[in-house]
Amino acid sequence: MDWGNVISIAVAVVGLIQWFKGLFAKAPVWVWAAASAVGCMGVAAVVFYLPPWVLMGLVALAVAQLGYETIIQFIKSKIPVVPMTTTTTTEPAYGEGGTTTTTTTSP
């Protein structure tokens, strides 16, 4: 048994399931458990029957997805959000009283 392929298949399946969870967020938990088993068999068949670049592509997609979730989302959670405030003041036409001030704050 080639443990490198086993690890590659596992990484590919985990990443692909995470990718599909983004597309089908409301699917029940049992769907992802079944997808794991089917995915492992399917990706193993890919390794056996298709050229090596197909597995490389699947693993690359999986690592990209997992990397986004673990690295980028972690960094985003640690960066404080600085509120941005924009103030616009307009002077009224001649003869009208007062000024209009609009303040916009966005996180």
Protein backbone atom coordinates (compact mmCIF):
# COMPACT_ATOMS: atom_id res chain seq x y z
CA MET A 1 0.00 0.00 0.00
CA ASP A 2 1.33 3.43 -0.94
CA TRP A 3 0.81 5.66 2.10
CA GLY A 4 1.58 8.76 0.04
CA ASN A 5 -1.46 8.01 -2.12
CA VAL A 6 -3.59 7.26 0.94
CA ILE A 7 -2.73 10.63 2.49
CA SER A 8 -3.24 12.42 -0.84
CA ILE A 9 -6.65 10.80 -1.26
CA ALA A 10 -7.67 11.72 2.30
CA VAL A 11 -6.56 15.34 1.86
CA ALA A 12 -8.35 15.57 -1.49
CA VAL A 13 -11.59 14.19 -0.07
CA VAL A 14 -11.56 16.45 3.00
CA GLY A 15 -10.88 19.53 0.89
CA LEU A 16 -13.48 18.61 -1.73
CA ILE A 17 -16.11 18.03 0.95
CA GLN A 18 -15.33 21.44 2.44
CA TRP A 19 -15.64 22.95 -1.02
CA PHE A 20 -19.01 21.26 -1.57
CA LYS A 21 -20.19 22.39 1.88
CA GLY A 22 -19.78 25.94 0.62
CA LEU A 23 -22.08 25.14 -2.31
CA PHE A 24 -24.63 23.09 -0.37
CA ALA A 25 -24.53 24.64 3.09
CA LYS A 26 -27.99 23.40 4.11
CA ALA A 27 -27.31 19.71 3.46
CA PRO A 28 -27.76 17.43 6.47
CA VAL A 29 -24.72 16.00 8.28
CA TRP A 30 -25.30 12.45 7.06
CA VAL A 31 -24.78 13.63 3.48
CA TRP A 32 -21.21 14.66 4.30
CA ALA A 33 -20.52 11.36 6.09
CA ALA A 34 -21.72 9.44 3.03
CA ALA A 35 -19.80 11.80 0.73
CA SER A 36 -16.63 11.01 2.65
CA ALA A 37 -16.95 7.27 2.02
CA VAL A 38 -17.98 7.67 -1.61
CA GLY A 39 -15.35 10.35 -2.14
CA CYS A 40 -12.55 8.13 -0.84
CA MET A 41 -13.56 5.34 -3.21
CA GLY A 42 -13.97 7.75 -6.10
CA VAL A 43 -10.65 9.49 -5.62
CA ALA A 44 -8.93 6.10 -5.14
CA ALA A 45 -10.36 5.07 -8.51
CA VAL A 46 -9.03 8.32 -9.98
CA VAL A 47 -5.55 7.42 -8.68
CA PHE A 48 -5.78 3.93 -10.15
CA TYR A 49 -7.32 4.67 -13.56
CA LEU A 50 -6.43 8.25 -14.48
CA PRO A 51 -3.12 10.03 -15.02
CA PRO A 52 -1.28 11.43 -11.96
CA TRP A 53 -2.06 15.04 -12.85
CA VAL A 54 -5.75 14.45 -12.04
CA LEU A 55 -4.93 13.54 -8.43
CA MET A 56 -2.54 16.48 -8.28
CA GLY A 57 -5.34 18.79 -9.38
CA LEU A 58 -7.76 17.38 -6.81
CA VAL A 59 -5.21 17.68 -4.01
CA ALA A 60 -4.33 21.22 -5.12
CA LEU A 61 -8.02 22.21 -5.00
CA ALA A 62 -8.36 20.58 -1.59
CA VAL A 63 -5.28 22.27 -0.16
CA ALA A 64 -6.38 25.62 -1.58
CA GLN A 65 -9.79 25.24 0.06
CA LEU A 66 -8.39 24.08 3.39
CA GLY A 67 -5.67 26.71 3.25
CA TYR A 68 -8.25 29.44 2.71
CA GLU A 69 -10.35 28.23 5.61
CA THR A 70 -7.46 27.80 8.02
CA ILE A 71 -5.07 30.57 7.05
CA ILE A 72 -7.09 33.40 5.52
CA GLN A 73 -10.10 33.06 7.81
CA PHE A 74 -7.76 32.87 10.84
CA ILE A 75 -5.98 36.05 9.76
CA LYS A 76 -9.30 37.81 9.14
CA SER A 77 -10.48 36.88 12.62
CA LYS A 78 -7.36 38.40 14.20
CA ILE A 79 -7.40 41.73 12.34
CA PRO A 80 -9.46 44.34 14.18
CA VAL A 81 -12.16 46.02 12.13
CA VAL A 82 -11.66 49.77 12.00
CA PRO A 83 -14.93 51.60 11.37
CA MET A 84 -14.82 54.03 8.48
CA THR A 85 -16.75 57.26 8.88
CA THR A 86 -17.58 59.62 6.05
CA THR A 87 -19.13 63.00 6.77
CA THR A 88 -20.66 65.13 4.05
CA THR A 89 -21.76 68.70 4.75
CA THR A 90 -23.78 70.65 2.23
CA GLU A 91 -24.65 74.31 2.41
CA PRO A 92 -28.25 75.18 1.55
CA ALA A 93 -29.20 77.43 -1.35
CA TYR A 94 -29.32 81.16 -0.77
CA GLY A 95 -32.21 82.12 1.46
CA GLU A 96 -32.67 78.71 3.11
CA GLY A 97 -31.51 78.17 6.66
CA GLY A 98 -29.22 75.57 8.22
CA THR A 99 -26.85 72.93 6.86
CA THR A 100 -27.33 69.27 6.06
CA THR A 101 -24.82 66.79 7.45
CA THR A 102 -24.77 63.14 6.43
CA THR A 103 -22.62 60.68 8.35
CA THR A 104 -22.01 57.18 7.03
CA THR A 105 -20.28 54.56 9.16
CA SER A 106 -19.40 51.15 7.81
CA PRO A 107 -17.51 48.34 9.53
